[in-house]
Amino acid sequence: MIPDPNSALSCDTQRISECLKSTGFQNIKADRIKKMSQKWISGFSDPSELPGIGKYGQDSWDIFINGNLERETNDKKLRIYLSEVNSI
């Protein structure tokens, strides 16, 4: 179990990779987890600074962390979520 960024940094990359084996690209993902954990600990001002975060991650951060329910997004699932939440 890897409960926090500090634990991820101290965990062997190969062990993380083995846990992700069934998802494909496990070595790349394990490396990103380590890099993201380091960046999380050292600090960041925008989620785009986190390794592996793309448009979906930025949109999700703005919606779920910042509470921006007016966010424009191209992601189908996020649009469905926003549509449902905004219709309440």
PDB file of N, CA and C in Angstrom:
ATOM      1  N   MET A   1       0.837  -1.183   0.000  1.00  0.00           N
ATOM      2  CA  MET A   1       0.000   0.000   0.000  1.00  0.00           C
ATOM      3  C   MET A   1       0.876   1.238   0.000  1.00  0.00           C
ATOM      4  N   ILE A   2       0.482   2.210  -0.812  1.00  0.00           N
ATOM      5  CA  ILE A   2       1.224   3.459  -0.923  1.00  0.00           C
ATOM      6  C   ILE A   2       0.248   4.601  -0.619  1.00  0.00           C
ATOM      7  N   PRO A   3       0.135   4.987   0.656  1.00  0.00           N
ATOM      8  CA  PRO A   3      -0.912   5.929   1.069  1.00  0.00           C
ATOM      9  C   PRO A   3      -0.656   7.410   0.793  1.00  0.00           C
ATOM     10  N   ASP A   4       0.599   7.779   0.484  1.00  0.00           N
ATOM     11  CA  ASP A   4       0.882   9.200   0.324  1.00  0.00           C
ATOM     12  C   ASP A   4       2.120   9.398  -0.559  1.00  0.00           C
ATOM     13  N   PRO A   5       2.381  10.646  -0.970  1.00  0.00           N
ATOM     14  CA  PRO A   5       3.524  10.904  -1.851  1.00  0.00           C
ATOM     15  C   PRO A   5       4.870  10.488  -1.265  1.00  0.00           C
ATOM     16  N   ASN A   6       5.050  10.660   0.036  1.00  0.00           N
ATOM     17  CA  ASN A   6       6.317  10.252   0.647  1.00  0.00           C
ATOM     18  C   ASN A   6       6.522   8.750   0.528  1.00  0.00           C
ATOM     19  N   SER A   7       5.454   7.995   0.712  1.00  0.00           N
ATOM     20  CA  SER A   7       5.538   6.540   0.569  1.00  0.00           C
ATOM     21  C   SER A   7       5.855   6.158  -0.864  1.00  0.00           C
ATOM     22  N   ALA A   8       5.280   6.871  -1.822  1.00  0.00           N
ATOM     23  CA  ALA A   8       5.552   6.587  -3.236  1.00  0.00           C
ATOM     24  C   ALA A   8       7.015   6.835  -3.563  1.00  0.00           C
ATOM     25  N   LEU A   9       7.570   7.899  -3.016  1.00  0.00           N
ATOM     26  CA  LEU A   9       8.986   8.194  -3.277  1.00  0.00           C
ATOM     27  C   LEU A   9       9.907   7.138  -2.694  1.00  0.00           C
ATOM     28  N   SER A  10       9.553   6.620  -1.545  1.00  0.00           N
ATOM     29  CA  SER A  10      10.425   5.631  -0.906  1.00  0.00           C
ATOM     30  C   SER A  10      10.204   4.216  -1.443  1.00  0.00           C
ATOM     31  N   CYS A  11       9.130   4.026  -2.201  1.00  0.00           N
ATOM     32  CA  CYS A  11       8.817   2.706  -2.764  1.00  0.00           C
ATOM     33  C   CYS A  11       9.668   2.443  -4.008  1.00  0.00           C
ATOM     34  N   ASP A  12      10.115   1.231  -4.165  1.00  0.00           N
ATOM     35  CA  ASP A  12      10.884   0.833  -5.330  1.00  0.00           C
ATOM     36  C   ASP A  12      10.026   0.991  -6.593  1.00  0.00           C
ATOM     37  N   THR A  13      10.579   1.619  -7.614  1.00  0.00           N
ATOM     38  CA  THR A  13       9.852   1.857  -8.863  1.00  0.00           C
ATOM     39  C   THR A  13       9.378   0.545  -9.478  1.00  0.00           C
ATOM     40  N   GLN A  14      10.181  -0.476  -9.390  1.00  0.00           N
ATOM     41  CA  GLN A  14       9.803  -1.778  -9.956  1.00  0.00           C
ATOM     42  C   GLN A  14       8.584  -2.356  -9.232  1.00  0.00           C
ATOM     43  N   ARG A  15       8.483  -2.135  -7.935  1.00  0.00           N
ATOM     44  CA  ARG A  15       7.319  -2.610  -7.175  1.00  0.00           C
ATOM     45  C   ARG A  15       6.051  -1.898  -7.638  1.00  0.00           C
ATOM     46  N   ILE A  16       6.148  -0.584  -7.845  1.00  0.00           N
ATOM     47  CA  ILE A  16       5.002   0.172  -8.350  1.00  0.00           C
ATOM     48  C   ILE A  16       4.624  -0.347  -9.729  1.00  0.00           C
ATOM     49  N   SER A  17       5.621  -0.566 -10.549  1.00  0.00           N
ATOM     50  CA  SER A  17       5.396  -1.068 -11.902  1.00  0.00           C
ATOM     51  C   SER A  17       4.671  -2.410 -11.896  1.00  0.00           C
ATOM     52  N   GLU A  18       5.048  -3.295 -10.995  1.00  0.00           N
ATOM     53  CA  GLU A  18       4.388  -4.602 -10.886  1.00  0.00           C
ATOM     54  C   GLU A  18       2.913  -4.451 -10.517  1.00  0.00           C
ATOM     55  N   CYS A  19       2.614  -3.491  -9.656  1.00  0.00           N
ATOM     56  CA  CYS A  19       1.214  -3.247  -9.268  1.00  0.00           C
ATOM     57  C   CYS A  19       0.386  -2.746 -10.444  1.00  0.00           C
ATOM     58  N   LEU A  20       1.029  -2.079 -11.390  1.00  0.00           N
ATOM     59  CA  LEU A  20       0.338  -1.484 -12.533  1.00  0.00           C
ATOM     60  C   LEU A  20       0.387  -2.348 -13.786  1.00  0.00           C
ATOM     61  N   LYS A  21       0.979  -3.526 -13.673  1.00  0.00           N
ATOM     62  CA  LYS A  21       1.245  -4.366 -14.841  1.00  0.00           C
ATOM     63  C   LYS A  21       0.010  -4.600 -15.717  1.00  0.00           C
ATOM     64  N   SER A  22      -1.137  -4.830 -15.118  1.00  0.00           N
ATOM     65  CA  SER A  22      -2.339  -5.150 -15.895  1.00  0.00           C
ATOM     66  C   SER A  22      -2.894  -3.941 -16.647  1.00  0.00           C
ATOM     67  N   THR A  23      -2.416  -2.736 -16.347  1.00  0.00           N
ATOM     68  CA  THR A  23      -2.938  -1.531 -17.002  1.00  0.00           C
ATOM     69  C   THR A  23      -2.171  -1.154 -18.260  1.00  0.00           C
ATOM     70  N   GLY A  24      -1.031  -1.779 -18.481  1.00  0.00           N
ATOM     71  CA  GLY A  24      -0.196  -1.424 -19.622  1.00  0.00           C
ATOM     72  C   GLY A  24       0.633  -0.189 -19.330  1.00  0.00           C
ATOM     73  N   PHE A  25       1.721  -0.035 -20.053  1.00  0.00           N
ATOM     74  CA  PHE A  25       2.640   1.090 -19.877  1.00  0.00           C
ATOM     75  C   PHE A  25       3.036   1.282 -18.422  1.00  0.00           C
ATOM     76  N   GLN A  26       3.143   0.169 -17.692  1.00  0.00           N
ATOM     77  CA  GLN A  26       3.378   0.231 -16.251  1.00  0.00           C
ATOM     78  C   GLN A  26       4.686   0.920 -15.874  1.00  0.00           C
ATOM     79  N   ASN A  27       5.725   0.770 -16.681  1.00  0.00           N
ATOM     80  CA  ASN A  27       6.996   1.409 -16.342  1.00  0.00           C
ATOM     81  C   ASN A  27       6.900   2.929 -16.470  1.00  0.00           C
ATOM     82  N   ILE A  28       6.223   3.389 -17.519  1.00  0.00           N
ATOM     83  CA  ILE A  28       6.026   4.832 -17.699  1.00  0.00           C
ATOM     84  C   ILE A  28       5.160   5.383 -16.574  1.00  0.00           C
ATOM     85  N   LYS A  29       4.086   4.689 -16.244  1.00  0.00           N
ATOM     86  CA  LYS A  29       3.187   5.138 -15.180  1.00  0.00           C
ATOM     87  C   LYS A  29       3.885   5.152 -13.830  1.00  0.00           C
ATOM     88  N   ALA A  30       4.684   4.133 -13.549  1.00  0.00           N
ATOM     89  CA  ALA A  30       5.414   4.080 -12.276  1.00  0.00           C
ATOM     90  C   ALA A  30       6.381   5.255 -12.171  1.00  0.00           C
ATOM     91  N   ASP A  31       7.063   5.558 -13.267  1.00  0.00           N
ATOM     92  CA  ASP A  31       7.984   6.691 -13.287  1.00  0.00           C
ATOM     93  C   ASP A  31       7.235   7.999 -13.050  1.00  0.00           C
ATOM     94  N   ARG A  32       6.075   8.148 -13.663  1.00  0.00           N
ATOM     95  CA  ARG A  32       5.277   9.374 -13.481  1.00  0.00           C
ATOM     96  C   ARG A  32       4.768   9.502 -12.049  1.00  0.00           C
ATOM     97  N   ILE A  33       4.399   8.391 -11.450  1.00  0.00           N
ATOM     98  CA  ILE A  33       3.944   8.427 -10.054  1.00  0.00           C
ATOM     99  C   ILE A  33       5.057   8.951  -9.163  1.00  0.00           C
ATOM    100  N   LYS A  34       6.270   8.478  -9.384  1.00  0.00           N
ATOM    101  CA  LYS A  34       7.413   8.943  -8.586  1.00  0.00           C
ATOM    102  C   LYS A  34       7.668  10.435  -8.821  1.00  0.00           C
ATOM    103  N   LYS A  35       7.649  10.851 -10.102  1.00  0.00           N
ATOM    104  CA  LYS A  35       7.895  12.259 -10.428  1.00  0.00           C
ATOM    105  C   LYS A  35       6.778  13.152  -9.898  1.00  0.00           C
ATOM    106  N   MET A  36       5.526  12.691 -10.013  1.00  0.00           N
ATOM    107  CA  MET A  36       4.405  13.475  -9.517  1.00  0.00           C
ATOM    108  C   MET A  36       4.474  13.599  -7.990  1.00  0.00           C
ATOM    109  N   SER A  37       4.849  12.530  -7.325  1.00  0.00           N
ATOM    110  CA  SER A  37       4.971  12.559  -5.863  1.00  0.00           C
ATOM    111  C   SER A  37       6.024  13.571  -5.440  1.00  0.00           C
ATOM    112  N   GLN A  38       7.155  13.598  -6.153  1.00  0.00           N
ATOM    113  CA  GLN A  38       8.211  14.551  -5.824  1.00  0.00           C
ATOM    114  C   GLN A  38       7.721  15.985  -6.020  1.00  0.00           C
ATOM    115  N   LYS A  39       7.025  16.220  -7.124  1.00  0.00           N
ATOM    116  CA  LYS A  39       6.517  17.569  -7.403  1.00  0.00           C
ATOM    117  C   LYS A  39       5.452  17.958  -6.376  1.00  0.00           C
ATOM    118  N   TRP A  40       4.614  16.998  -5.987  1.00  0.00           N
ATOM    119  CA  TRP A  40       3.561  17.272  -4.991  1.00  0.00           C
ATOM    120  C   TRP A  40       4.197  17.723  -3.677  1.00  0.00           C
ATOM    121  N   ILE A  41       5.259  17.035  -3.273  1.00  0.00           N
ATOM    122  CA  ILE A  41       5.943  17.358  -2.021  1.00  0.00           C
ATOM    123  C   ILE A  41       6.657  18.711  -2.111  1.00  0.00           C
ATOM    124  N   SER A  42       7.316  18.965  -3.241  1.00  0.00           N
ATOM    125  CA  SER A  42       8.070  20.212  -3.377  1.00  0.00           C
ATOM    126  C   SER A  42       7.172  21.418  -3.643  1.00  0.00           C
ATOM    127  N   GLY A  43       5.947  21.156  -4.094  1.00  0.00           N
ATOM    128  CA  GLY A  43       4.980  22.226  -4.296  1.00  0.00           C
ATOM    129  C   GLY A  43       4.788  22.598  -5.761  1.00  0.00           C
ATOM    130  N   PHE A  44       3.600  23.100  -6.055  1.00  0.00           N
ATOM    131  CA  PHE A  44       3.259  23.541  -7.405  1.00  0.00           C
ATOM    132  C   PHE A  44       2.150  24.571  -7.299  1.00  0.00           C
ATOM    133  N   SER A  45       2.035  25.419  -8.294  1.00  0.00           N
ATOM    134  CA  SER A  45       0.999  26.450  -8.266  1.00  0.00           C
ATOM    135  C   SER A  45      -0.136  26.147  -9.233  1.00  0.00           C
ATOM    136  N   ASP A  46       0.105  25.235 -10.167  1.00  0.00           N
ATOM    137  CA  ASP A  46      -0.902  24.892 -11.161  1.00  0.00           C
ATOM    138  C   ASP A  46      -0.787  23.399 -11.460  1.00  0.00           C
ATOM    139  N   PRO A  47      -1.916  22.690 -11.607  1.00  0.00           N
ATOM    140  CA  PRO A  47      -1.838  21.243 -11.853  1.00  0.00           C
ATOM    141  C   PRO A  47      -1.092  20.876 -13.130  1.00  0.00           C
ATOM    142  N   SER A  48      -0.997  21.799 -14.087  1.00  0.00           N
ATOM    143  CA  SER A  48      -0.269  21.502 -15.320  1.00  0.00           C
ATOM    144  C   SER A  48       1.222  21.281 -15.056  1.00  0.00           C
ATOM    145  N   GLU A  49       1.707  21.687 -13.902  1.00  0.00           N
ATOM    146  CA  GLU A  49       3.103  21.476 -13.530  1.00  0.00           C
ATOM    147  C   GLU A  49       3.363  20.030 -13.099  1.00  0.00           C
ATOM    148  N   LEU A  50       2.310  19.286 -12.807  1.00  0.00           N
ATOM    149  CA  LEU A  50       2.469  17.900 -12.365  1.00  0.00           C
ATOM    150  C   LEU A  50       2.737  16.993 -13.564  1.00  0.00           C
ATOM    151  N   PRO A  51       3.741  16.137 -13.484  1.00  0.00           N
ATOM    152  CA  PRO A  51       4.055  15.233 -14.585  1.00  0.00           C
ATOM    153  C   PRO A  51       2.878  14.325 -14.938  1.00  0.00           C
ATOM    154  N   GLY A  52       2.568  14.242 -16.217  1.00  0.00           N
ATOM    155  CA  GLY A  52       1.508  13.359 -16.684  1.00  0.00           C
ATOM    156  C   GLY A  52       0.126  13.984 -16.706  1.00  0.00           C
ATOM    157  N   ILE A  53       0.016  15.239 -16.266  1.00  0.00           N
ATOM    158  CA  ILE A  53      -1.291  15.896 -16.248  1.00  0.00           C
ATOM    159  C   ILE A  53      -1.512  16.606 -17.575  1.00  0.00           C
ATOM    160  N   GLY A  54      -2.592  16.246 -18.219  1.00  0.00           N
ATOM    161  CA  GLY A  54      -2.955  16.866 -19.486  1.00  0.00           C
ATOM    162  C   GLY A  54      -4.227  17.659 -19.350  1.00  0.00           C
ATOM    163  N   LYS A  55      -4.906  17.844 -20.456  1.00  0.00           N
ATOM    164  CA  LYS A  55      -6.143  18.632 -20.489  1.00  0.00           C
ATOM    165  C   LYS A  55      -7.210  18.053 -19.565  1.00  0.00           C
ATOM    166  N   TYR A  56      -7.396  16.730 -19.600  1.00  0.00           N
ATOM    167  CA  TYR A  56      -8.397  16.090 -18.738  1.00  0.00           C
ATOM    168  C   TYR A  56      -8.083  16.350 -17.263  1.00  0.00           C
ATOM    169  N   GLY A  57      -6.840  16.204 -16.886  1.00  0.00           N
ATOM    170  CA  GLY A  57      -6.439  16.446 -15.501  1.00  0.00           C
ATOM    171  C   GLY A  57      -6.660  17.887 -15.078  1.00  0.00           C
ATOM    172  N   GLN A  58      -6.340  18.819 -15.965  1.00  0.00           N
ATOM    173  CA  GLN A  58      -6.547  20.231 -15.672  1.00  0.00           C
ATOM    174  C   GLN A  58      -8.035  20.539 -15.530  1.00  0.00           C
ATOM    175  N   ASP A  59      -8.839  20.002 -16.456  1.00  0.00           N
ATOM    176  CA  ASP A  59     -10.287  20.210 -16.372  1.00  0.00           C
ATOM    177  C   ASP A  59     -10.841  19.620 -15.071  1.00  0.00           C
ATOM    178  N   SER A  60     -10.430  18.409 -14.742  1.00  0.00           N
ATOM    179  CA  SER A  60     -10.902  17.744 -13.527  1.00  0.00           C
ATOM    180  C   SER A  60     -10.513  18.528 -12.286  1.00  0.00           C
ATOM    181  N   TRP A  61      -9.292  19.017 -12.236  1.00  0.00           N
ATOM    182  CA  TRP A  61      -8.822  19.808 -11.096  1.00  0.00           C
ATOM    183  C   TRP A  61      -9.706  21.042 -10.919  1.00  0.00           C
ATOM    184  N   ASP A  62      -9.953  21.726 -12.026  1.00  0.00           N
ATOM    185  CA  ASP A  62     -10.750  22.948 -11.955  1.00  0.00           C
ATOM    186  C   ASP A  62     -12.187  22.655 -11.511  1.00  0.00           C
ATOM    187  N   ILE A  63     -12.737  21.536 -11.972  1.00  0.00           N
ATOM    188  CA  ILE A  63     -14.115  21.183 -11.609  1.00  0.00           C
ATOM    189  C   ILE A  63     -14.217  20.681 -10.174  1.00  0.00           C
ATOM    190  N   PHE A  64     -13.403  19.686  -9.836  1.00  0.00           N
ATOM    191  CA  PHE A  64     -13.557  19.007  -8.545  1.00  0.00           C
ATOM    192  C   PHE A  64     -12.800  19.658  -7.389  1.00  0.00           C
ATOM    193  N   ILE A  65     -11.681  20.290  -7.666  1.00  0.00           N
ATOM    194  CA  ILE A  65     -10.903  20.931  -6.598  1.00  0.00           C
ATOM    195  C   ILE A  65     -11.298  22.401  -6.449  1.00  0.00           C
ATOM    196  N   ASN A  66     -11.372  23.106  -7.579  1.00  0.00           N
ATOM    197  CA  ASN A  66     -11.711  24.529  -7.539  1.00  0.00           C
ATOM    198  C   ASN A  66     -13.212  24.787  -7.536  1.00  0.00           C
ATOM    199  N   GLY A  67     -14.013  23.757  -7.806  1.00  0.00           N
ATOM    200  CA  GLY A  67     -15.461  23.908  -7.791  1.00  0.00           C
ATOM    201  C   GLY A  67     -16.026  24.710  -8.951  1.00  0.00           C
ATOM    202  N   ASN A  68     -15.279  24.795 -10.052  1.00  0.00           N
ATOM    203  CA  ASN A  68     -15.723  25.554 -11.217  1.00  0.00           C
ATOM    204  C   ASN A  68     -16.679  24.704 -12.054  1.00  0.00           C
ATOM    205  N   LEU A  69     -17.959  24.827 -11.775  1.00  0.00           N
ATOM    206  CA  LEU A  69     -18.973  24.039 -12.473  1.00  0.00           C
ATOM    207  C   LEU A  69     -19.374  24.663 -13.811  1.00  0.00           C
ATOM    208  N   GLU A  70     -18.721  25.759 -14.183  1.00  0.00           N
ATOM    209  CA  GLU A  70     -18.958  26.401 -15.479  1.00  0.00           C
ATOM    210  C   GLU A  70     -17.820  26.109 -16.453  1.00  0.00           C
ATOM    211  N   ARG A  71     -16.921  25.253 -16.073  1.00  0.00           N
ATOM    212  CA  ARG A  71     -15.751  24.923 -16.892  1.00  0.00           C
ATOM    213  C   ARG A  71     -16.165  24.343 -18.235  1.00  0.00           C
ATOM    214  N   GLU A  72     -15.561  24.843 -19.304  1.00  0.00           N
ATOM    215  CA  GLU A  72     -15.755  24.295 -20.647  1.00  0.00           C
ATOM    216  C   GLU A  72     -14.784  23.123 -20.791  1.00  0.00           C
ATOM    217  N   THR A  73     -15.278  21.979 -21.237  1.00  0.00           N
ATOM    218  CA  THR A  73     -14.423  20.812 -21.417  1.00  0.00           C
ATOM    219  C   THR A  73     -14.872  20.026 -22.643  1.00  0.00           C
ATOM    220  N   ASN A  74     -13.933  19.355 -23.257  1.00  0.00           N
ATOM    221  CA  ASN A  74     -14.241  18.497 -24.396  1.00  0.00           C
ATOM    222  C   ASN A  74     -14.453  17.046 -23.981  1.00  0.00           C
ATOM    223  N   ASP A  75     -14.161  16.742 -22.712  1.00  0.00           N
ATOM    224  CA  ASP A  75     -14.287  15.359 -22.257  1.00  0.00           C
ATOM    225  C   ASP A  75     -15.757  14.984 -22.066  1.00  0.00           C
ATOM    226  N   LYS A  76     -16.139  13.887 -22.685  1.00  0.00           N
ATOM    227  CA  LYS A  76     -17.542  13.443 -22.667  1.00  0.00           C
ATOM    228  C   LYS A  76     -18.060  13.195 -21.252  1.00  0.00           C
ATOM    229  N   LYS A  77     -17.304  12.467 -20.450  1.00  0.00           N
ATOM    230  CA  LYS A  77     -17.748  12.138 -19.087  1.00  0.00           C
ATOM    231  C   LYS A  77     -17.831  13.377 -18.201  1.00  0.00           C
ATOM    232  N   LEU A  78     -16.865  14.271 -18.336  1.00  0.00           N
ATOM    233  CA  LEU A  78     -16.917  15.502 -17.544  1.00  0.00           C
ATOM    234  C   LEU A  78     -18.094  16.374 -17.974  1.00  0.00           C
ATOM    235  N   ARG A  79     -18.389  16.420 -19.276  1.00  0.00           N
ATOM    236  CA  ARG A  79     -19.556  17.189 -19.744  1.00  0.00           C
ATOM    237  C   ARG A  79     -20.850  16.605 -19.184  1.00  0.00           C
ATOM    238  N   ILE A  80     -20.958  15.274 -19.158  1.00  0.00           N
ATOM    239  CA  ILE A  80     -22.146  14.635 -18.580  1.00  0.00           C
ATOM    240  C   ILE A  80     -22.264  14.997 -17.109  1.00  0.00           C
ATOM    241  N   TYR A  81     -21.160  14.903 -16.375  1.00  0.00           N
ATOM    242  CA  TYR A  81     -21.163  15.252 -14.948  1.00  0.00           C
ATOM    243  C   TYR A  81     -21.628  16.698 -14.756  1.00  0.00           C
ATOM    244  N   LEU A  82     -21.013  17.631 -15.499  1.00  0.00           N
ATOM    245  CA  LEU A  82     -21.372  19.045 -15.360  1.00  0.00           C
ATOM    246  C   LEU A  82     -22.835  19.294 -15.722  1.00  0.00           C
ATOM    247  N   SER A  83     -23.304  18.621 -16.736  1.00  0.00           N
ATOM    248  CA  SER A  83     -24.701  18.776 -17.147  1.00  0.00           C
ATOM    249  C   SER A  83     -25.644  18.334 -16.033  1.00  0.00           C
ATOM    250  N   GLU A  84     -25.340  17.201 -15.428  1.00  0.00           N
ATOM    251  CA  GLU A  84     -26.173  16.675 -14.341  1.00  0.00           C
ATOM    252  C   GLU A  84     -26.103  17.557 -13.098  1.00  0.00           C
ATOM    253  N   VAL A  85     -24.916  17.986 -12.730  1.00  0.00           N
ATOM    254  CA  VAL A  85     -24.759  18.815 -11.538  1.00  0.00           C
ATOM    255  C   VAL A  85     -25.417  20.173 -11.737  1.00  0.00           C
ATOM    256  N   ASN A  86     -25.270  20.742 -12.911  1.00  0.00           N
ATOM    257  CA  ASN A  86     -25.825  22.068 -13.173  1.00  0.00           C
ATOM    258  C   ASN A  86     -27.335  22.057 -13.377  1.00  0.00           C
ATOM    259  N   SER A  87     -27.922  20.864 -13.548  1.00  0.00           N
ATOM    260  CA  SER A  87     -29.380  20.795 -13.719  1.00  0.00           C
ATOM    261  C   SER A  87     -30.120  20.622 -12.401  1.00  0.00           C
ATOM    262  N   ILE A  88     -29.379  20.468 -11.317  1.00  0.00           N
ATOM    263  CA  ILE A  88     -30.004  20.267  -9.990  1.00  0.00           C
ATOM    264  C   ILE A  88     -30.491  21.592  -9.434  1.00  0.00           C
TER     265      ILE A  88
END
